């Protein structure tokens, strides 16, 4: 059984619809509430993001399969990559944060699939929603998410997040805001 932790964000178009479509395709086990967050990475001339964390499981998927799913979801949402703005606006961004296989963390240094995500420990927009749906979450090689949230820069960024509302019900359908 492989388990994936996705971080999903959108700041162009119908942000909520973009996320809802991605959630449905991921067949989640758990989905965080929506958090409105400022842009991250120094490219501040863009709209705020809606961010969520999704945990999914599938006995038949490998880490590469999860990556392919994330890339397909971005394409279906109309994402266009701008090499001049790596942290620029997007209809949908899907990052694999961590993958485990049979409970053991999957590690990869492949430039197309780096696991665990090399910047996740610095991103409040990943850590806050992840911790909200999994109090025992651990980022392989970095430690428990609850401890990562205590880092001064992460804690400062976390104060800028605004929790909005659930986007998904435990019955597997979109929820009204």
C-alpha atoms as a PDB file:
ATOM      1  CA  UNK A   1       0.000   0.000   0.000  1.00  0.00           C
ATOM      2  CA  UNK A   2       1.434   3.371  -0.952  1.00  0.00           C
ATOM      3  CA  UNK A   3       0.381   6.516   0.826  1.00  0.00           C
ATOM      4  CA  UNK A   4       0.937  10.003  -0.524  1.00  0.00           C
ATOM      5  CA  UNK A   5       0.741  13.438   1.009  1.00  0.00           C
ATOM      6  CA  UNK A   6      -0.100  16.028  -1.644  1.00  0.00           C
ATOM      7  CA  UNK A   7      -0.007  19.778  -1.231  1.00  0.00           C
ATOM      8  CA  UNK A   8      -2.387  21.448  -3.681  1.00  0.00           C
ATOM      9  CA  UNK A   9      -2.756  25.143  -4.368  1.00  0.00           C
ATOM     10  CA  UNK A  10      -4.506  27.460  -6.781  1.00  0.00           C
ATOM     11  CA  UNK A  11      -4.521  31.224  -7.260  1.00  0.00           C
ATOM     12  CA  UNK A  12      -5.911  31.628 -10.789  1.00  0.00           C
ATOM     13  CA  UNK A  13      -9.422  31.029 -12.090  1.00  0.00           C
ATOM     14  CA  UNK A  14     -11.983  29.365  -9.843  1.00  0.00           C
ATOM     15  CA  UNK A  15      -9.553  28.351  -7.112  1.00  0.00           C
ATOM     16  CA  UNK A  16     -12.049  26.207  -5.260  1.00  0.00           C
ATOM     17  CA  UNK A  17     -13.255  24.364  -8.381  1.00  0.00           C
ATOM     18  CA  UNK A  18      -9.644  23.706  -9.410  1.00  0.00           C
ATOM     19  CA  UNK A  19      -8.938  22.128  -6.019  1.00  0.00           C
ATOM     20  CA  UNK A  20     -12.207  20.175  -5.896  1.00  0.00           C
ATOM     21  CA  UNK A  21     -11.523  18.549  -9.280  1.00  0.00           C
ATOM     22  CA  UNK A  22      -8.031  17.553  -8.176  1.00  0.00           C
ATOM     23  CA  UNK A  23      -9.307  16.129  -4.893  1.00  0.00           C
ATOM     24  CA  UNK A  24     -11.902  13.991  -6.670  1.00  0.00           C
ATOM     25  CA  UNK A  25      -9.272  12.480  -8.961  1.00  0.00           C
ATOM     26  CA  UNK A  26      -6.925  11.713  -6.061  1.00  0.00           C
ATOM     27  CA  UNK A  27      -9.506   9.523  -4.228  1.00  0.00           C
ATOM     28  CA  UNK A  28      -8.453  10.917  -0.854  1.00  0.00           C
ATOM     29  CA  UNK A  29      -8.450   9.365   2.574  1.00  0.00           C
ATOM     30  CA  UNK A  30      -8.203  12.806   4.224  1.00  0.00           C
ATOM     31  CA  UNK A  31      -8.450  16.414   3.026  1.00  0.00           C
ATOM     32  CA  UNK A  32      -7.634  19.523   5.017  1.00  0.00           C
ATOM     33  CA  UNK A  33      -9.782  22.592   5.111  1.00  0.00           C
ATOM     34  CA  UNK A  34      -8.975  25.333   2.622  1.00  0.00           C
ATOM     35  CA  UNK A  35      -6.405  27.876   3.756  1.00  0.00           C
ATOM     36  CA  UNK A  36      -5.972  31.219   2.041  1.00  0.00           C
ATOM     37  CA  UNK A  37      -2.274  32.006   1.941  1.00  0.00           C
ATOM     38  CA  UNK A  38      -0.044  34.732   0.582  1.00  0.00           C
ATOM     39  CA  UNK A  39       2.279  33.836  -2.312  1.00  0.00           C
ATOM     40  CA  UNK A  40       5.468  32.068  -1.260  1.00  0.00           C
ATOM     41  CA  UNK A  41       8.943  32.235  -2.742  1.00  0.00           C
ATOM     42  CA  UNK A  42       9.362  35.975  -3.236  1.00  0.00           C
ATOM     43  CA  UNK A  43       7.005  36.398  -6.201  1.00  0.00           C
ATOM     44  CA  UNK A  44       4.484  38.571  -4.368  1.00  0.00           C
ATOM     45  CA  UNK A  45       2.855  40.264  -7.400  1.00  0.00           C
ATOM     46  CA  UNK A  46       0.021  37.752  -7.686  1.00  0.00           C
ATOM     47  CA  UNK A  47      -3.279  36.828  -6.022  1.00  0.00           C
ATOM     48  CA  UNK A  48      -3.492  34.885  -2.770  1.00  0.00           C
ATOM     49  CA  UNK A  49      -3.584  31.091  -2.952  1.00  0.00           C
ATOM     50  CA  UNK A  50      -6.097  28.586  -1.749  1.00  0.00           C
ATOM     51  CA  UNK A  51      -4.091  25.669  -0.346  1.00  0.00           C
ATOM     52  CA  UNK A  52      -5.012  22.228   0.952  1.00  0.00           C
ATOM     53  CA  UNK A  53      -3.282  18.997   1.885  1.00  0.00           C
ATOM     54  CA  UNK A  54      -4.617  15.680   0.641  1.00  0.00           C
ATOM     55  CA  UNK A  55      -3.657  12.244   1.914  1.00  0.00           C
ATOM     56  CA  UNK A  56      -4.434   9.341  -0.407  1.00  0.00           C
ATOM     57  CA  UNK A  57      -3.680   5.627  -0.473  1.00  0.00           C
ATOM     58  CA  UNK A  58      -3.621   3.085  -3.270  1.00  0.00           C
ATOM     59  CA  UNK A  59      -2.077  -0.381  -3.271  1.00  0.00           C
ATOM     60  CA  UNK A  60      -1.341  -0.233  -6.994  1.00  0.00           C
ATOM     61  CA  UNK A  61       0.407   3.172  -7.277  1.00  0.00           C
ATOM     62  CA  UNK A  62       4.109   3.829  -7.047  1.00  0.00           C
ATOM     63  CA  UNK A  63       5.672   7.197  -6.249  1.00  0.00           C
ATOM     64  CA  UNK A  64       6.081   7.723  -9.991  1.00  0.00           C
ATOM     65  CA  UNK A  65       2.391   6.997 -10.511  1.00  0.00           C
ATOM     66  CA  UNK A  66       1.470   9.615  -7.881  1.00  0.00           C
ATOM     67  CA  UNK A  67       3.735  12.125  -9.642  1.00  0.00           C
ATOM     68  CA  UNK A  68       2.110  11.351 -13.002  1.00  0.00           C
ATOM     69  CA  UNK A  69      -1.323  11.865 -11.432  1.00  0.00           C
ATOM     70  CA  UNK A  70      -0.295  15.247 -10.011  1.00  0.00           C
ATOM     71  CA  UNK A  71       1.100  16.381 -13.356  1.00  0.00           C
ATOM     72  CA  UNK A  72      -2.031  15.216 -15.178  1.00  0.00           C
ATOM     73  CA  UNK A  73      -4.237  17.137 -12.748  1.00  0.00           C
ATOM     74  CA  UNK A  74      -2.185  20.302 -13.312  1.00  0.00           C
ATOM     75  CA  UNK A  75      -2.497  19.896 -17.082  1.00  0.00           C
ATOM     76  CA  UNK A  76      -6.244  19.286 -16.891  1.00  0.00           C
ATOM     77  CA  UNK A  77      -6.602  22.460 -14.822  1.00  0.00           C
ATOM     78  CA  UNK A  78      -4.854  24.422 -17.565  1.00  0.00           C
ATOM     79  CA  UNK A  79      -1.604  25.062 -15.739  1.00  0.00           C
ATOM     80  CA  UNK A  80       1.012  26.838 -17.807  1.00  0.00           C
ATOM     81  CA  UNK A  81       4.581  26.817 -16.471  1.00  0.00           C
ATOM     82  CA  UNK A  82       6.540  30.049 -16.789  1.00  0.00           C
ATOM     83  CA  UNK A  83      10.279  29.341 -16.430  1.00  0.00           C
ATOM     84  CA  UNK A  84      10.811  33.021 -15.582  1.00  0.00           C
ATOM     85  CA  UNK A  85       8.446  32.722 -12.580  1.00  0.00           C
ATOM     86  CA  UNK A  86       8.984  29.372 -10.826  1.00  0.00           C
ATOM     87  CA  UNK A  87       6.808  30.551  -7.913  1.00  0.00           C
ATOM     88  CA  UNK A  88       4.392  32.460 -10.115  1.00  0.00           C
ATOM     89  CA  UNK A  89       0.608  32.221 -10.344  1.00  0.00           C
ATOM     90  CA  UNK A  90      -1.083  29.002 -11.420  1.00  0.00           C
ATOM     91  CA  UNK A  91      -4.465  27.418 -11.857  1.00  0.00           C
ATOM     92  CA  UNK A  92      -3.265  24.341  -9.972  1.00  0.00           C
ATOM     93  CA  UNK A  93      -0.051  23.293  -8.302  1.00  0.00           C
ATOM     94  CA  UNK A  94       0.243  19.719  -7.049  1.00  0.00           C
ATOM     95  CA  UNK A  95       3.341  18.790  -5.043  1.00  0.00           C
ATOM     96  CA  UNK A  96       4.184  15.365  -3.670  1.00  0.00           C
ATOM     97  CA  UNK A  97       5.328  16.060  -0.136  1.00  0.00           C
ATOM     98  CA  UNK A  98       5.941  12.510   1.050  1.00  0.00           C
ATOM     99  CA  UNK A  99       5.234   8.994  -0.154  1.00  0.00           C
ATOM    100  CA  UNK A 100       5.435   5.808   1.880  1.00  0.00           C
ATOM    101  CA  UNK A 101       5.291   2.220   0.702  1.00  0.00           C
ATOM    102  CA  UNK A 102       4.202  -0.309   3.294  1.00  0.00           C
ATOM    103  CA  UNK A 103       4.854   2.308   5.963  1.00  0.00           C
ATOM    104  CA  UNK A 104       8.467   2.942   4.902  1.00  0.00           C
ATOM    105  CA  UNK A 105       9.281   6.388   3.495  1.00  0.00           C
ATOM    106  CA  UNK A 106      10.123   6.506  -0.197  1.00  0.00           C
ATOM    107  CA  UNK A 107      13.230   8.566  -0.891  1.00  0.00           C
ATOM    108  CA  UNK A 108      14.279   9.813  -4.295  1.00  0.00           C
ATOM    109  CA  UNK A 109      16.978  12.191  -5.517  1.00  0.00           C
ATOM    110  CA  UNK A 110      15.717  12.064  -9.096  1.00  0.00           C
ATOM    111  CA  UNK A 111      15.444  15.688 -10.324  1.00  0.00           C
ATOM    112  CA  UNK A 112      11.917  14.923 -11.605  1.00  0.00           C
ATOM    113  CA  UNK A 113      10.806  13.254  -8.355  1.00  0.00           C
ATOM    114  CA  UNK A 114      12.581  14.393  -5.213  1.00  0.00           C
ATOM    115  CA  UNK A 115      11.145  12.782  -2.084  1.00  0.00           C
ATOM    116  CA  UNK A 116      10.468  13.925   0.460  1.00  0.00           C
ATOM    117  CA  UNK A 117       9.759  17.373  -0.989  1.00  0.00           C
ATOM    118  CA  UNK A 118      12.943  19.389  -0.369  1.00  0.00           C
ATOM    119  CA  UNK A 119      11.162  22.600   0.720  1.00  0.00           C
ATOM    120  CA  UNK A 120       8.164  21.213   2.616  1.00  0.00           C
ATOM    121  CA  UNK A 121       9.769  21.804   6.012  1.00  0.00           C
ATOM    122  CA  UNK A 122       9.885  25.547   5.254  1.00  0.00           C
ATOM    123  CA  UNK A 123       6.311  25.959   4.030  1.00  0.00           C
ATOM    124  CA  UNK A 124       3.632  26.825   6.546  1.00  0.00           C
ATOM    125  CA  UNK A 125       1.012  26.410   3.789  1.00  0.00           C
ATOM    126  CA  UNK A 126       1.978  22.716   3.703  1.00  0.00           C
ATOM    127  CA  UNK A 127       2.676  22.042   7.363  1.00  0.00           C
ATOM    128  CA  UNK A 128      -0.359  23.749   8.929  1.00  0.00           C
ATOM    129  CA  UNK A 129      -3.034  21.932   6.877  1.00  0.00           C
ATOM    130  CA  UNK A 130      -1.105  18.648   7.068  1.00  0.00           C
ATOM    131  CA  UNK A 131      -0.910  18.832  10.847  1.00  0.00           C
ATOM    132  CA  UNK A 132      -4.612  19.690  11.006  1.00  0.00           C
ATOM    133  CA  UNK A 133      -5.541  16.332   9.409  1.00  0.00           C
ATOM    134  CA  UNK A 134      -2.716  14.188  10.833  1.00  0.00           C
ATOM    135  CA  UNK A 135      -1.481  15.146  14.308  1.00  0.00           C
ATOM    136  CA  UNK A 136       1.182  12.416  14.113  1.00  0.00           C
ATOM    137  CA  UNK A 137       2.521  13.497  10.715  1.00  0.00           C
ATOM    138  CA  UNK A 138       6.226  13.199  10.122  1.00  0.00           C
ATOM    139  CA  UNK A 139       8.266  14.561   7.239  1.00  0.00           C
ATOM    140  CA  UNK A 140      10.937  11.939   6.535  1.00  0.00           C
ATOM    141  CA  UNK A 141      14.417  13.221   7.326  1.00  0.00           C
ATOM    142  CA  UNK A 142      13.050  16.391   8.965  1.00  0.00           C
ATOM    143  CA  UNK A 143      10.984  15.179  11.903  1.00  0.00           C
ATOM    144  CA  UNK A 144       7.500  15.587  13.260  1.00  0.00           C
ATOM    145  CA  UNK A 145       5.365  18.250  11.609  1.00  0.00           C
ATOM    146  CA  UNK A 146       4.352  19.620  15.021  1.00  0.00           C
ATOM    147  CA  UNK A 147       8.037  20.338  15.719  1.00  0.00           C
ATOM    148  CA  UNK A 148       8.667  21.849  12.283  1.00  0.00           C
ATOM    149  CA  UNK A 149       5.837  24.295  12.940  1.00  0.00           C
ATOM    150  CA  UNK A 150       7.839  25.702  15.866  1.00  0.00           C
ATOM    151  CA  UNK A 151      10.592  26.992  13.597  1.00  0.00           C
ATOM    152  CA  UNK A 152      10.581  30.791  13.863  1.00  0.00           C
ATOM    153  CA  UNK A 153      10.201  31.521  10.132  1.00  0.00           C
ATOM    154  CA  UNK A 154       7.537  28.832   9.660  1.00  0.00           C
ATOM    155  CA  UNK A 155       5.617  30.088  12.695  1.00  0.00           C
ATOM    156  CA  UNK A 156       5.742  33.638  11.312  1.00  0.00           C
ATOM    157  CA  UNK A 157       4.417  32.450   7.941  1.00  0.00           C
ATOM    158  CA  UNK A 158       1.718  30.393   9.677  1.00  0.00           C
ATOM    159  CA  UNK A 159       0.268  33.550  11.206  1.00  0.00           C
ATOM    160  CA  UNK A 160      -0.465  34.811   7.674  1.00  0.00           C
ATOM    161  CA  UNK A 161      -2.599  31.749   6.807  1.00  0.00           C
ATOM    162  CA  UNK A 162      -6.338  32.149   7.009  1.00  0.00           C
ATOM    163  CA  UNK A 163      -8.382  28.986   7.499  1.00  0.00           C
ATOM    164  CA  UNK A 164     -11.525  29.256   5.386  1.00  0.00           C
ATOM    165  CA  UNK A 165     -13.734  26.151   5.325  1.00  0.00           C
ATOM    166  CA  UNK A 166     -13.907  22.451   4.468  1.00  0.00           C
ATOM    167  CA  UNK A 167     -13.887  21.648   0.767  1.00  0.00           C
ATOM    168  CA  UNK A 168     -14.505  17.904   0.995  1.00  0.00           C
ATOM    169  CA  UNK A 169     -16.749  15.727   3.111  1.00  0.00           C
ATOM    170  CA  UNK A 170     -15.907  12.343   4.564  1.00  0.00           C
ATOM    171  CA  UNK A 171     -18.462  10.962   2.085  1.00  0.00           C
ATOM    172  CA  UNK A 172     -16.191  11.813  -0.826  1.00  0.00           C
ATOM    173  CA  UNK A 173     -17.958  14.802  -2.301  1.00  0.00           C
ATOM    174  CA  UNK A 174     -17.402  18.509  -2.620  1.00  0.00           C
ATOM    175  CA  UNK A 175     -18.805  20.653   0.172  1.00  0.00           C
ATOM    176  CA  UNK A 176     -20.441  24.000  -0.127  1.00  0.00           C
ATOM    177  CA  UNK A 177     -18.335  26.791   1.387  1.00  0.00           C
END
